[in-house]
């Protein structure tokens, strides 16, 4: 289990979310009709709920990394049960929850928990299967044949990598189903690619 991975996962999310922003076209920047902004990905309403009071621009600008981390731990890490997830998969669940919502993240995690290994490999998409084949050290041809299957069955870390890649595919499908995909999809998929790469790095760190 990966209780110690929270800081690594938080660092990834904070880097993705950035600092203070005040964007009138983003509903998360508004609180009771006033443009407050967001900071480190924390919306105005989320901060108000955390502080149990109304918020001003000064509250948002003054948000500390410590407070943001506490919010992320309670509202996202604990909600996706990050401490119970294998290394790498915890980042996939946590950061997707931050970006797309806890409910969507839990759905992908739940689906991956019951999907059989071969099903995951056959349904992660060709590009991700090629990533898995590189991980397993077999010929990279994007085809799930008997050699790849045999290597996967024998590799515990390969099976964990397969689940990460399958979850990544599920997350991509959900992104593509959202109304805002035409406008925001390129950014969402770029973040997903970075999330997937970092998740595999975290897994590699514990399986090396």
N, C-alpha and C. Protein backbone atom coordinates (compact mmCIF):
# COMPACT_ATOMS: atom_id res chain seq x y z
N UNK A 1 0.84 -1.19 0.00
CA UNK A 1 0.00 0.00 0.00
C UNK A 1 0.88 1.25 0.00
N UNK A 2 0.29 2.39 -0.32
CA UNK A 2 1.12 3.53 -0.69
C UNK A 2 0.77 4.81 0.06
N UNK A 3 0.64 4.72 1.37
CA UNK A 3 0.33 5.92 2.14
C UNK A 3 1.37 7.00 1.93
N UNK A 4 2.62 6.60 1.72
CA UNK A 4 3.69 7.59 1.56
C UNK A 4 3.67 8.24 0.18
N UNK A 5 2.87 7.74 -0.75
CA UNK A 5 2.81 8.29 -2.09
C UNK A 5 1.99 9.57 -2.19
N UNK A 6 1.27 9.93 -1.15
CA UNK A 6 0.41 11.11 -1.25
C UNK A 6 1.20 12.34 -1.66
N UNK A 7 2.35 12.56 -1.06
CA UNK A 7 3.11 13.77 -1.37
C UNK A 7 3.54 13.80 -2.83
N UNK A 8 3.94 12.66 -3.37
CA UNK A 8 4.33 12.60 -4.77
C UNK A 8 3.14 12.87 -5.68
N UNK A 9 2.01 12.31 -5.34
CA UNK A 9 0.80 12.52 -6.14
C UNK A 9 0.32 13.96 -6.03
N UNK A 10 0.41 14.52 -4.82
CA UNK A 10 0.02 15.91 -4.62
C UNK A 10 0.91 16.84 -5.43
N UNK A 11 2.21 16.58 -5.42
CA UNK A 11 3.14 17.43 -6.17
C UNK A 11 2.79 17.43 -7.65
N UNK A 12 2.41 16.28 -8.18
CA UNK A 12 2.01 16.21 -9.59
C UNK A 12 0.78 17.07 -9.84
N UNK A 13 -0.24 16.91 -9.00
CA UNK A 13 -1.49 17.65 -9.20
C UNK A 13 -1.27 19.15 -9.08
N UNK A 14 -0.47 19.57 -8.10
CA UNK A 14 -0.23 21.00 -7.91
C UNK A 14 0.51 21.60 -9.10
N UNK A 15 1.44 20.86 -9.65
CA UNK A 15 2.16 21.35 -10.83
C UNK A 15 1.21 21.49 -12.01
N UNK A 16 0.29 20.55 -12.14
CA UNK A 16 -0.68 20.61 -13.23
C UNK A 16 -1.66 21.76 -13.05
N UNK A 17 -2.08 22.00 -11.83
CA UNK A 17 -3.11 23.00 -11.58
C UNK A 17 -2.59 24.42 -11.63
N UNK A 18 -1.33 24.62 -11.25
CA UNK A 18 -0.76 25.97 -11.31
C UNK A 18 -1.15 26.82 -10.11
N UNK A 19 -0.83 28.11 -10.20
CA UNK A 19 -1.05 29.03 -9.09
C UNK A 19 -2.36 29.79 -9.19
N UNK A 20 -2.34 31.02 -8.71
CA UNK A 20 -3.56 31.83 -8.66
C UNK A 20 -4.01 32.21 -10.06
N UNK A 21 -5.31 32.05 -10.29
CA UNK A 21 -5.93 32.46 -11.55
C UNK A 21 -7.24 33.17 -11.24
N UNK A 22 -7.58 34.13 -12.07
CA UNK A 22 -8.85 34.86 -11.89
C UNK A 22 -9.48 35.00 -13.27
N UNK A 23 -10.26 33.99 -13.63
CA UNK A 23 -10.80 33.87 -14.98
C UNK A 23 -12.33 33.95 -14.91
N UNK A 24 -12.88 34.99 -15.50
CA UNK A 24 -14.32 35.22 -15.39
C UNK A 24 -15.13 34.13 -16.08
N UNK A 25 -14.57 33.48 -17.10
CA UNK A 25 -15.30 32.46 -17.82
C UNK A 25 -15.30 31.10 -17.16
N UNK A 26 -14.61 30.96 -16.04
CA UNK A 26 -14.53 29.69 -15.32
C UNK A 26 -15.44 29.75 -14.11
N UNK A 27 -16.52 28.95 -14.06
CA UNK A 27 -17.46 29.00 -12.94
C UNK A 27 -16.80 28.78 -11.58
N UNK A 28 -15.71 28.00 -11.55
CA UNK A 28 -15.04 27.72 -10.29
C UNK A 28 -14.36 28.92 -9.68
N UNK A 29 -14.25 30.01 -10.44
CA UNK A 29 -13.62 31.23 -9.95
C UNK A 29 -14.59 32.14 -9.21
N UNK A 30 -15.86 31.81 -9.25
CA UNK A 30 -16.90 32.68 -8.69
C UNK A 30 -17.42 32.16 -7.35
N UNK A 31 -17.75 33.10 -6.47
CA UNK A 31 -18.38 32.76 -5.19
C UNK A 31 -19.46 33.79 -4.90
N UNK A 32 -20.69 33.34 -4.90
CA UNK A 32 -21.85 34.19 -4.62
C UNK A 32 -21.84 35.47 -5.46
N UNK A 33 -21.62 35.27 -6.74
CA UNK A 33 -21.68 36.38 -7.67
C UNK A 33 -20.45 37.25 -7.74
N UNK A 34 -19.41 36.89 -7.01
CA UNK A 34 -18.17 37.69 -7.01
C UNK A 34 -17.02 36.86 -7.57
N UNK A 35 -16.19 37.51 -8.37
CA UNK A 35 -15.05 36.85 -8.99
C UNK A 35 -13.89 36.78 -8.00
N UNK A 36 -13.67 35.59 -7.46
CA UNK A 36 -12.65 35.37 -6.43
C UNK A 36 -11.38 34.77 -7.02
N UNK A 37 -11.54 33.87 -7.96
CA UNK A 37 -10.40 33.18 -8.55
C UNK A 37 -10.22 31.78 -7.98
N UNK A 38 -9.19 31.11 -8.46
CA UNK A 38 -8.78 29.81 -7.92
C UNK A 38 -7.29 29.86 -7.65
N UNK A 39 -6.82 28.94 -6.83
CA UNK A 39 -5.39 28.87 -6.54
C UNK A 39 -5.01 27.42 -6.31
N UNK A 40 -3.99 26.97 -7.01
CA UNK A 40 -3.53 25.58 -6.90
C UNK A 40 -4.66 24.60 -7.18
N UNK A 41 -5.59 25.02 -8.04
CA UNK A 41 -6.71 24.17 -8.40
C UNK A 41 -7.87 24.19 -7.43
N UNK A 42 -7.76 24.94 -6.34
CA UNK A 42 -8.83 25.01 -5.34
C UNK A 42 -9.83 26.08 -5.78
N UNK A 43 -11.08 25.69 -5.95
CA UNK A 43 -12.11 26.63 -6.38
C UNK A 43 -12.56 27.51 -5.22
N UNK A 44 -13.23 28.59 -5.57
CA UNK A 44 -13.72 29.52 -4.55
C UNK A 44 -14.71 28.85 -3.61
N UNK A 45 -15.64 28.07 -4.16
CA UNK A 45 -16.62 27.39 -3.32
C UNK A 45 -15.96 26.35 -2.42
N UNK A 46 -14.97 25.65 -2.95
CA UNK A 46 -14.26 24.65 -2.14
C UNK A 46 -13.55 25.30 -0.97
N UNK A 47 -12.90 26.42 -1.22
CA UNK A 47 -12.20 27.11 -0.14
C UNK A 47 -13.18 27.64 0.89
N UNK A 48 -14.32 28.17 0.44
CA UNK A 48 -15.33 28.67 1.37
C UNK A 48 -15.86 27.54 2.26
N UNK A 49 -16.09 26.39 1.66
CA UNK A 49 -16.55 25.24 2.44
C UNK A 49 -15.51 24.81 3.45
N UNK A 50 -14.25 24.82 3.05
CA UNK A 50 -13.16 24.43 3.94
C UNK A 50 -13.03 25.39 5.11
N UNK A 51 -13.17 26.68 4.84
CA UNK A 51 -12.99 27.70 5.88
C UNK A 51 -14.25 27.93 6.70
N UNK A 52 -15.38 27.38 6.25
CA UNK A 52 -16.67 27.55 6.92
C UNK A 52 -17.07 29.02 7.00
N UNK A 53 -16.78 29.75 5.94
CA UNK A 53 -17.17 31.16 5.87
C UNK A 53 -17.03 31.64 4.43
N UNK A 54 -17.49 32.85 4.19
CA UNK A 54 -17.31 33.44 2.88
C UNK A 54 -15.84 33.71 2.61
N UNK A 55 -15.50 33.84 1.33
CA UNK A 55 -14.10 34.08 0.97
C UNK A 55 -13.96 35.34 0.13
N UNK A 56 -12.80 35.95 0.23
CA UNK A 56 -12.44 37.13 -0.54
C UNK A 56 -11.26 36.78 -1.45
N UNK A 57 -10.96 37.71 -2.34
CA UNK A 57 -9.80 37.52 -3.22
C UNK A 57 -8.54 37.33 -2.39
N UNK A 58 -8.44 38.06 -1.29
CA UNK A 58 -7.25 37.96 -0.44
C UNK A 58 -7.10 36.56 0.16
N UNK A 59 -8.22 35.91 0.48
CA UNK A 59 -8.16 34.53 0.99
C UNK A 59 -7.59 33.59 -0.07
N UNK A 60 -8.07 33.76 -1.29
CA UNK A 60 -7.61 32.88 -2.35
C UNK A 60 -6.15 33.13 -2.70
N UNK A 61 -5.78 34.40 -2.78
CA UNK A 61 -4.38 34.72 -3.08
C UNK A 61 -3.45 34.22 -1.98
N UNK A 62 -3.94 34.23 -0.75
CA UNK A 62 -3.12 33.85 0.39
C UNK A 62 -3.16 32.38 0.73
N UNK A 63 -3.85 31.59 -0.07
CA UNK A 63 -3.94 30.15 0.18
C UNK A 63 -2.54 29.53 0.20
N UNK A 64 -2.24 28.81 1.26
CA UNK A 64 -0.91 28.19 1.39
C UNK A 64 -0.92 26.79 0.80
N UNK A 65 0.26 26.32 0.45
CA UNK A 65 0.39 24.95 -0.06
C UNK A 65 -0.03 23.94 1.00
N UNK A 66 0.20 24.26 2.25
CA UNK A 66 -0.19 23.35 3.34
C UNK A 66 -1.70 23.18 3.39
N UNK A 67 -2.44 24.31 3.30
CA UNK A 67 -3.89 24.23 3.32
C UNK A 67 -4.42 23.54 2.07
N UNK A 68 -3.85 23.87 0.92
CA UNK A 68 -4.27 23.21 -0.32
C UNK A 68 -4.05 21.71 -0.22
N UNK A 69 -2.91 21.31 0.34
CA UNK A 69 -2.63 19.89 0.50
C UNK A 69 -3.63 19.19 1.41
N UNK A 70 -4.03 19.87 2.48
CA UNK A 70 -5.01 19.30 3.40
C UNK A 70 -6.36 19.12 2.70
N UNK A 71 -6.73 20.09 1.87
CA UNK A 71 -7.98 19.99 1.11
C UNK A 71 -7.91 18.83 0.13
N UNK A 72 -6.81 18.74 -0.57
CA UNK A 72 -6.66 17.65 -1.54
C UNK A 72 -6.67 16.28 -0.85
N UNK A 73 -6.05 16.20 0.30
CA UNK A 73 -6.02 14.92 1.01
C UNK A 73 -7.43 14.49 1.39
N UNK A 74 -8.19 15.41 1.96
CA UNK A 74 -9.53 15.06 2.45
C UNK A 74 -10.53 14.88 1.30
N UNK A 75 -10.52 15.80 0.35
CA UNK A 75 -11.57 15.82 -0.67
C UNK A 75 -11.32 14.87 -1.84
N UNK A 76 -10.06 14.50 -2.04
CA UNK A 76 -9.74 13.68 -3.21
C UNK A 76 -8.99 12.39 -2.85
N UNK A 77 -7.85 12.51 -2.19
CA UNK A 77 -7.05 11.33 -1.86
C UNK A 77 -7.84 10.34 -1.02
N UNK A 78 -8.46 10.82 0.03
CA UNK A 78 -9.23 9.91 0.89
C UNK A 78 -10.47 9.40 0.17
N UNK A 79 -11.08 10.21 -0.67
CA UNK A 79 -12.30 9.80 -1.37
C UNK A 79 -12.03 8.69 -2.38
N UNK A 80 -10.86 8.71 -3.01
CA UNK A 80 -10.53 7.61 -3.95
C UNK A 80 -9.77 6.50 -3.24
N UNK A 81 -9.64 6.61 -1.92
CA UNK A 81 -8.96 5.62 -1.08
C UNK A 81 -7.53 5.39 -1.58
N UNK A 82 -6.83 6.50 -1.74
CA UNK A 82 -5.48 6.46 -2.29
C UNK A 82 -4.51 5.59 -1.50
N UNK A 83 -4.67 5.55 -0.18
CA UNK A 83 -3.76 4.76 0.64
C UNK A 83 -3.89 3.26 0.38
N UNK A 84 -4.99 2.84 -0.23
CA UNK A 84 -5.21 1.41 -0.48
C UNK A 84 -4.81 1.00 -1.89
N UNK A 85 -4.46 1.96 -2.73
CA UNK A 85 -4.19 1.66 -4.14
C UNK A 85 -2.71 1.37 -4.37
N UNK A 86 -2.40 0.50 -5.30
CA UNK A 86 -1.00 0.23 -5.63
C UNK A 86 -0.30 1.48 -6.15
N UNK A 87 1.00 1.50 -6.02
CA UNK A 87 1.79 2.64 -6.47
C UNK A 87 1.59 2.86 -7.96
N UNK A 88 1.36 4.09 -8.33
CA UNK A 88 1.08 4.44 -9.72
C UNK A 88 -0.41 4.53 -9.96
N UNK A 89 -1.15 3.50 -9.58
CA UNK A 89 -2.60 3.55 -9.71
C UNK A 89 -3.17 4.61 -8.78
N UNK A 90 -2.50 4.84 -7.66
CA UNK A 90 -2.97 5.88 -6.75
C UNK A 90 -2.94 7.25 -7.42
N UNK A 91 -1.90 7.52 -8.19
CA UNK A 91 -1.85 8.79 -8.92
C UNK A 91 -2.94 8.85 -9.98
N UNK A 92 -3.16 7.76 -10.69
CA UNK A 92 -4.20 7.74 -11.71
C UNK A 92 -5.56 8.07 -11.11
N UNK A 93 -5.85 7.50 -9.95
CA UNK A 93 -7.13 7.76 -9.31
C UNK A 93 -7.22 9.15 -8.73
N UNK A 94 -6.17 9.58 -8.05
CA UNK A 94 -6.18 10.87 -7.37
C UNK A 94 -6.24 12.03 -8.35
N UNK A 95 -5.32 12.08 -9.30
CA UNK A 95 -5.27 13.24 -10.20
C UNK A 95 -6.48 13.29 -11.12
N UNK A 96 -6.99 12.15 -11.50
CA UNK A 96 -8.21 12.15 -12.32
C UNK A 96 -9.39 12.66 -11.51
N UNK A 97 -9.43 12.30 -10.23
CA UNK A 97 -10.47 12.83 -9.36
C UNK A 97 -10.41 14.34 -9.27
N UNK A 98 -9.20 14.87 -9.17
CA UNK A 98 -9.01 16.32 -9.12
C UNK A 98 -9.49 16.96 -10.41
N UNK A 99 -9.16 16.36 -11.53
CA UNK A 99 -9.42 16.97 -12.84
C UNK A 99 -10.82 16.72 -13.37
N UNK A 100 -11.37 15.54 -13.09
CA UNK A 100 -12.64 15.16 -13.70
C UNK A 100 -13.74 14.81 -12.70
N UNK A 101 -13.40 14.76 -11.43
CA UNK A 101 -14.39 14.45 -10.42
C UNK A 101 -14.16 13.09 -9.78
N UNK A 102 -14.42 13.01 -8.49
CA UNK A 102 -14.19 11.78 -7.73
C UNK A 102 -15.05 10.64 -8.26
N UNK A 103 -16.30 10.94 -8.60
CA UNK A 103 -17.20 9.90 -9.08
C UNK A 103 -16.67 9.21 -10.33
N UNK A 104 -16.21 10.01 -11.29
CA UNK A 104 -15.66 9.46 -12.53
C UNK A 104 -14.42 8.63 -12.24
N UNK A 105 -13.60 9.10 -11.31
CA UNK A 105 -12.38 8.37 -10.98
C UNK A 105 -12.70 7.03 -10.33
N UNK A 106 -13.63 7.03 -9.40
CA UNK A 106 -14.00 5.78 -8.73
C UNK A 106 -14.59 4.78 -9.71
N UNK A 107 -15.34 5.26 -10.69
CA UNK A 107 -15.91 4.37 -11.70
C UNK A 107 -14.82 3.65 -12.48
N UNK A 108 -13.81 4.40 -12.93
CA UNK A 108 -12.72 3.80 -13.69
C UNK A 108 -11.94 2.81 -12.83
N UNK A 109 -11.67 3.18 -11.59
CA UNK A 109 -10.94 2.28 -10.69
C UNK A 109 -11.73 1.00 -10.44
N UNK A 110 -13.03 1.15 -10.23
CA UNK A 110 -13.88 -0.01 -9.98
C UNK A 110 -13.94 -0.93 -11.19
N UNK A 111 -14.08 -0.34 -12.37
CA UNK A 111 -14.11 -1.15 -13.59
C UNK A 111 -12.81 -1.93 -13.77
N UNK A 112 -11.70 -1.28 -13.48
CA UNK A 112 -10.40 -1.94 -13.66
C UNK A 112 -10.18 -3.06 -12.65
N UNK A 113 -10.82 -2.95 -11.50
CA UNK A 113 -10.63 -3.95 -10.45
C UNK A 113 -11.27 -5.29 -10.81
N UNK A 114 -12.30 -5.25 -11.65
CA UNK A 114 -13.02 -6.49 -11.98
C UNK A 114 -12.69 -6.99 -13.38
N UNK A 115 -12.04 -6.16 -14.19
CA UNK A 115 -11.70 -6.58 -15.56
C UNK A 115 -10.57 -7.60 -15.54
N UNK A 116 -10.72 -8.67 -16.26
CA UNK A 116 -9.67 -9.68 -16.34
C UNK A 116 -8.46 -9.13 -17.06
N UNK A 117 -7.31 -9.74 -16.78
CA UNK A 117 -6.04 -9.24 -17.30
C UNK A 117 -6.05 -9.18 -18.82
N UNK A 118 -6.49 -10.25 -19.46
CA UNK A 118 -6.51 -10.27 -20.93
C UNK A 118 -7.44 -9.21 -21.48
N UNK A 119 -8.56 -9.00 -20.80
CA UNK A 119 -9.51 -7.97 -21.24
C UNK A 119 -8.87 -6.59 -21.17
N UNK A 120 -8.15 -6.33 -20.08
CA UNK A 120 -7.46 -5.06 -19.96
C UNK A 120 -6.49 -4.85 -21.12
N UNK A 121 -5.69 -5.88 -21.39
CA UNK A 121 -4.68 -5.77 -22.45
C UNK A 121 -5.32 -5.56 -23.82
N UNK A 122 -6.43 -6.24 -24.06
CA UNK A 122 -7.08 -6.16 -25.36
C UNK A 122 -7.87 -4.87 -25.55
N UNK A 123 -8.15 -4.18 -24.46
CA UNK A 123 -8.99 -2.99 -24.53
C UNK A 123 -8.30 -1.71 -24.08
N UNK A 124 -6.99 -1.72 -23.94
CA UNK A 124 -6.28 -0.50 -23.57
C UNK A 124 -5.88 0.33 -24.79
N UNK A 125 -6.03 -0.23 -25.99
CA UNK A 125 -5.64 0.47 -27.20
C UNK A 125 -4.22 0.11 -27.62
N UNK A 126 -3.96 0.22 -28.92
CA UNK A 126 -2.69 -0.25 -29.46
C UNK A 126 -1.49 0.49 -28.89
N UNK A 127 -1.59 1.81 -28.79
CA UNK A 127 -0.43 2.58 -28.31
C UNK A 127 -0.09 2.23 -26.88
N UNK A 128 -1.10 2.01 -26.05
CA UNK A 128 -0.84 1.64 -24.66
C UNK A 128 -0.33 0.20 -24.56
N UNK A 129 -0.83 -0.66 -25.42
CA UNK A 129 -0.32 -2.03 -25.43
C UNK A 129 1.16 -2.05 -25.79
N UNK A 130 1.56 -1.17 -26.67
CA UNK A 130 2.98 -1.08 -27.03
C UNK A 130 3.82 -0.61 -25.84
N UNK A 131 3.26 0.31 -25.05
CA UNK A 131 3.93 0.73 -23.82
C UNK A 131 4.09 -0.47 -22.89
N UNK A 132 3.04 -1.26 -22.76
CA UNK A 132 3.08 -2.45 -21.91
C UNK A 132 4.12 -3.45 -22.43
N UNK A 133 4.19 -3.63 -23.72
CA UNK A 133 5.17 -4.57 -24.28
C UNK A 133 6.60 -4.11 -24.01
N UNK A 134 6.83 -2.82 -24.07
CA UNK A 134 8.17 -2.31 -23.71
C UNK A 134 8.46 -2.62 -22.25
N UNK A 135 7.47 -2.46 -21.41
CA UNK A 135 7.62 -2.75 -19.98
C UNK A 135 7.99 -4.21 -19.78
N UNK A 136 7.33 -5.08 -20.53
CA UNK A 136 7.53 -6.52 -20.37
C UNK A 136 8.81 -7.02 -21.05
N UNK A 137 9.37 -6.21 -21.93
CA UNK A 137 10.59 -6.61 -22.62
C UNK A 137 10.36 -7.58 -23.76
N UNK A 138 9.17 -7.51 -24.37
CA UNK A 138 8.88 -8.37 -25.52
C UNK A 138 8.83 -7.50 -26.78
N UNK A 139 8.72 -8.15 -27.93
CA UNK A 139 8.65 -7.41 -29.19
C UNK A 139 7.48 -6.43 -29.16
N UNK A 140 7.74 -5.22 -29.59
CA UNK A 140 6.73 -4.16 -29.55
C UNK A 140 6.04 -4.10 -30.91
N UNK A 141 4.89 -4.77 -31.00
CA UNK A 141 4.16 -4.79 -32.27
C UNK A 141 2.70 -4.36 -32.11
N UNK A 142 2.28 -4.07 -30.87
CA UNK A 142 0.91 -3.64 -30.64
C UNK A 142 -0.12 -4.73 -30.79
N UNK A 143 0.32 -5.98 -30.75
CA UNK A 143 -0.58 -7.13 -30.89
C UNK A 143 -0.50 -7.97 -29.62
N UNK A 144 -1.66 -8.27 -29.04
CA UNK A 144 -1.68 -9.09 -27.82
C UNK A 144 -1.71 -10.56 -28.22
N UNK A 145 -0.54 -11.12 -28.45
CA UNK A 145 -0.41 -12.51 -28.83
C UNK A 145 0.10 -13.37 -27.69
N UNK A 146 0.41 -14.63 -27.95
CA UNK A 146 0.80 -15.57 -26.89
C UNK A 146 2.08 -15.19 -26.17
N UNK A 147 3.03 -14.55 -26.85
CA UNK A 147 4.28 -14.16 -26.18
C UNK A 147 4.03 -13.05 -25.17
N UNK A 148 3.28 -12.03 -25.60
CA UNK A 148 2.93 -10.95 -24.67
C UNK A 148 2.10 -11.48 -23.51
N UNK A 149 1.15 -12.35 -23.81
CA UNK A 149 0.29 -12.90 -22.77
C UNK A 149 1.11 -13.68 -21.75
N UNK A 150 2.02 -14.51 -22.21
CA UNK A 150 2.84 -15.31 -21.30
C UNK A 150 3.72 -14.43 -20.43
N UNK A 151 4.30 -13.39 -21.02
CA UNK A 151 5.14 -12.48 -20.25
C UNK A 151 4.32 -11.74 -19.21
N UNK A 152 3.11 -11.36 -19.57
CA UNK A 152 2.25 -10.61 -18.65
C UNK A 152 1.82 -11.48 -17.47
N UNK A 153 1.49 -12.72 -17.74
CA UNK A 153 1.07 -13.64 -16.68
C UNK A 153 2.18 -13.84 -15.66
N UNK A 154 3.42 -13.80 -16.11
CA UNK A 154 4.56 -14.05 -15.23
C UNK A 154 5.08 -12.80 -14.53
N UNK A 155 4.58 -11.63 -14.87
CA UNK A 155 5.12 -10.38 -14.35
C UNK A 155 4.11 -9.65 -13.46
N UNK A 156 4.39 -9.61 -12.15
CA UNK A 156 3.51 -8.90 -11.24
C UNK A 156 3.50 -7.41 -11.55
N UNK A 157 4.68 -6.85 -11.78
CA UNK A 157 4.73 -5.42 -12.09
C UNK A 157 4.08 -5.14 -13.44
N UNK A 158 4.20 -6.09 -14.36
CA UNK A 158 3.55 -5.93 -15.66
C UNK A 158 2.03 -5.90 -15.52
N UNK A 159 1.51 -6.70 -14.62
CA UNK A 159 0.07 -6.70 -14.38
C UNK A 159 -0.39 -5.38 -13.77
N UNK A 160 0.43 -4.83 -12.89
CA UNK A 160 0.10 -3.52 -12.32
C UNK A 160 0.19 -2.43 -13.38
N UNK A 161 1.19 -2.53 -14.25
CA UNK A 161 1.31 -1.57 -15.36
C UNK A 161 0.11 -1.68 -16.29
N UNK A 162 -0.34 -2.91 -16.54
CA UNK A 162 -1.49 -3.11 -17.41
C UNK A 162 -2.73 -2.43 -16.84
N UNK A 163 -2.90 -2.52 -15.54
CA UNK A 163 -4.07 -1.89 -14.93
C UNK A 163 -3.98 -0.37 -15.05
N UNK A 164 -2.79 0.18 -14.83
CA UNK A 164 -2.60 1.63 -15.00
C UNK A 164 -2.97 2.04 -16.42
N UNK A 165 -2.49 1.29 -17.40
CA UNK A 165 -2.74 1.63 -18.80
C UNK A 165 -4.21 1.45 -19.17
N UNK A 166 -4.85 0.45 -18.59
CA UNK A 166 -6.28 0.25 -18.85
C UNK A 166 -7.09 1.38 -18.23
N UNK A 167 -6.75 1.77 -17.02
CA UNK A 167 -7.43 2.91 -16.39
C UNK A 167 -7.21 4.18 -17.22
N UNK A 168 -6.02 4.34 -17.74
CA UNK A 168 -5.74 5.49 -18.60
C UNK A 168 -6.68 5.50 -19.80
N UNK A 169 -6.90 4.34 -20.39
CA UNK A 169 -7.82 4.25 -21.53
C UNK A 169 -9.24 4.60 -21.12
N UNK A 170 -9.68 4.12 -19.97
CA UNK A 170 -11.02 4.45 -19.48
C UNK A 170 -11.16 5.95 -19.24
N UNK A 171 -10.12 6.55 -18.70
CA UNK A 171 -10.15 7.98 -18.45
C UNK A 171 -10.22 8.76 -19.77
N UNK A 172 -9.48 8.30 -20.76
CA UNK A 172 -9.54 8.96 -22.07
C UNK A 172 -10.96 8.89 -22.65
N UNK A 173 -11.57 7.74 -22.55
CA UNK A 173 -12.93 7.59 -23.08
C UNK A 173 -13.89 8.55 -22.38
N UNK A 174 -13.74 8.69 -21.07
CA UNK A 174 -14.63 9.59 -20.35
C UNK A 174 -14.39 11.03 -20.76
N UNK A 175 -13.13 11.43 -20.86
CA UNK A 175 -12.84 12.79 -21.33
C UNK A 175 -13.53 13.05 -22.66
N UNK A 176 -13.42 12.11 -23.58
CA UNK A 176 -13.97 12.31 -24.92
C UNK A 176 -15.48 12.38 -24.92
N UNK A 177 -16.12 11.88 -23.88
CA UNK A 177 -17.59 11.90 -23.80
C UNK A 177 -18.12 13.22 -23.23
N UNK A 178 -17.25 14.06 -22.69
CA UNK A 178 -17.69 15.28 -22.02
C UNK A 178 -18.00 16.38 -23.02
N UNK A 179 -18.97 17.22 -22.66
CA UNK A 179 -19.39 18.31 -23.54
C UNK A 179 -18.26 19.28 -23.85
N UNK A 180 -17.37 19.47 -22.90
CA UNK A 180 -16.30 20.45 -23.09
C UNK A 180 -15.10 19.92 -23.84
N UNK A 181 -15.20 18.70 -24.38
CA UNK A 181 -14.01 18.11 -25.00
C UNK A 181 -13.52 18.90 -26.20
N UNK A 182 -14.43 19.44 -26.99
CA UNK A 182 -14.00 20.20 -28.17
C UNK A 182 -13.11 21.37 -27.78
N UNK A 183 -13.46 22.03 -26.67
CA UNK A 183 -12.69 23.20 -26.24
C UNK A 183 -11.48 22.83 -25.40
N UNK A 184 -11.65 21.87 -24.50
CA UNK A 184 -10.61 21.58 -23.51
C UNK A 184 -9.92 20.24 -23.71
N UNK A 185 -10.38 19.45 -24.68
CA UNK A 185 -9.91 18.08 -24.81
C UNK A 185 -8.42 17.93 -25.00
N UNK A 186 -7.82 18.81 -25.78
CA UNK A 186 -6.38 18.69 -26.02
C UNK A 186 -5.60 18.81 -24.72
N UNK A 187 -6.01 19.74 -23.87
CA UNK A 187 -5.35 19.90 -22.58
C UNK A 187 -5.59 18.72 -21.66
N UNK A 188 -6.82 18.20 -21.66
CA UNK A 188 -7.13 17.04 -20.82
C UNK A 188 -6.28 15.84 -21.22
N UNK A 189 -6.18 15.59 -22.52
CA UNK A 189 -5.43 14.43 -22.98
C UNK A 189 -3.93 14.59 -22.75
N UNK A 190 -3.45 15.82 -22.85
CA UNK A 190 -2.02 16.06 -22.56
C UNK A 190 -1.74 15.79 -21.09
N UNK A 191 -2.65 16.22 -20.22
CA UNK A 191 -2.48 15.94 -18.79
C UNK A 191 -2.56 14.44 -18.53
N UNK A 192 -3.46 13.76 -19.20
CA UNK A 192 -3.57 12.31 -19.05
C UNK A 192 -2.27 11.62 -19.45
N UNK A 193 -1.67 12.07 -20.54
CA UNK A 193 -0.41 11.46 -20.98
C UNK A 193 0.68 11.64 -19.94
N UNK A 194 0.73 12.83 -19.34
CA UNK A 194 1.72 13.07 -18.28
C UNK A 194 1.39 12.25 -17.04
N UNK A 195 0.11 12.13 -16.72
CA UNK A 195 -0.31 11.33 -15.56
C UNK A 195 0.08 9.87 -15.74
N UNK A 196 -0.20 9.34 -16.92
CA UNK A 196 0.15 7.94 -17.20
C UNK A 196 1.65 7.71 -17.09
N UNK A 197 2.43 8.61 -17.67
CA UNK A 197 3.89 8.46 -17.64
C UNK A 197 4.41 8.52 -16.21
N UNK A 198 3.89 9.46 -15.43
CA UNK A 198 4.34 9.58 -14.03
C UNK A 198 3.89 8.38 -13.20
N UNK A 199 2.70 7.87 -13.46
CA UNK A 199 2.22 6.69 -12.73
C UNK A 199 3.13 5.49 -12.98
N UNK A 200 3.56 5.31 -14.21
CA UNK A 200 4.46 4.19 -14.52
C UNK A 200 5.82 4.40 -13.88
N UNK A 201 6.25 5.66 -13.77
CA UNK A 201 7.51 5.94 -13.06
C UNK A 201 7.39 5.57 -11.58
N UNK A 202 6.26 5.89 -10.97
CA UNK A 202 6.05 5.54 -9.56
C UNK A 202 6.04 4.03 -9.37
N UNK A 203 5.39 3.33 -10.29
CA UNK A 203 5.38 1.87 -10.23
C UNK A 203 6.78 1.31 -10.42
N UNK A 204 7.52 1.87 -11.36
CA UNK A 204 8.88 1.40 -11.63
C UNK A 204 9.77 1.60 -10.41
N UNK A 205 9.50 2.66 -9.67
CA UNK A 205 10.31 2.95 -8.49
C UNK A 205 10.17 1.91 -7.40
N UNK A 206 9.00 1.28 -7.30
CA UNK A 206 8.80 0.26 -6.26
C UNK A 206 9.05 -1.15 -6.77
N UNK A 207 9.10 -1.32 -8.09
CA UNK A 207 9.29 -2.67 -8.63
C UNK A 207 10.72 -2.91 -9.11
N UNK A 208 11.53 -1.85 -9.09
CA UNK A 208 12.92 -1.99 -9.57
C UNK A 208 13.72 -2.87 -8.63
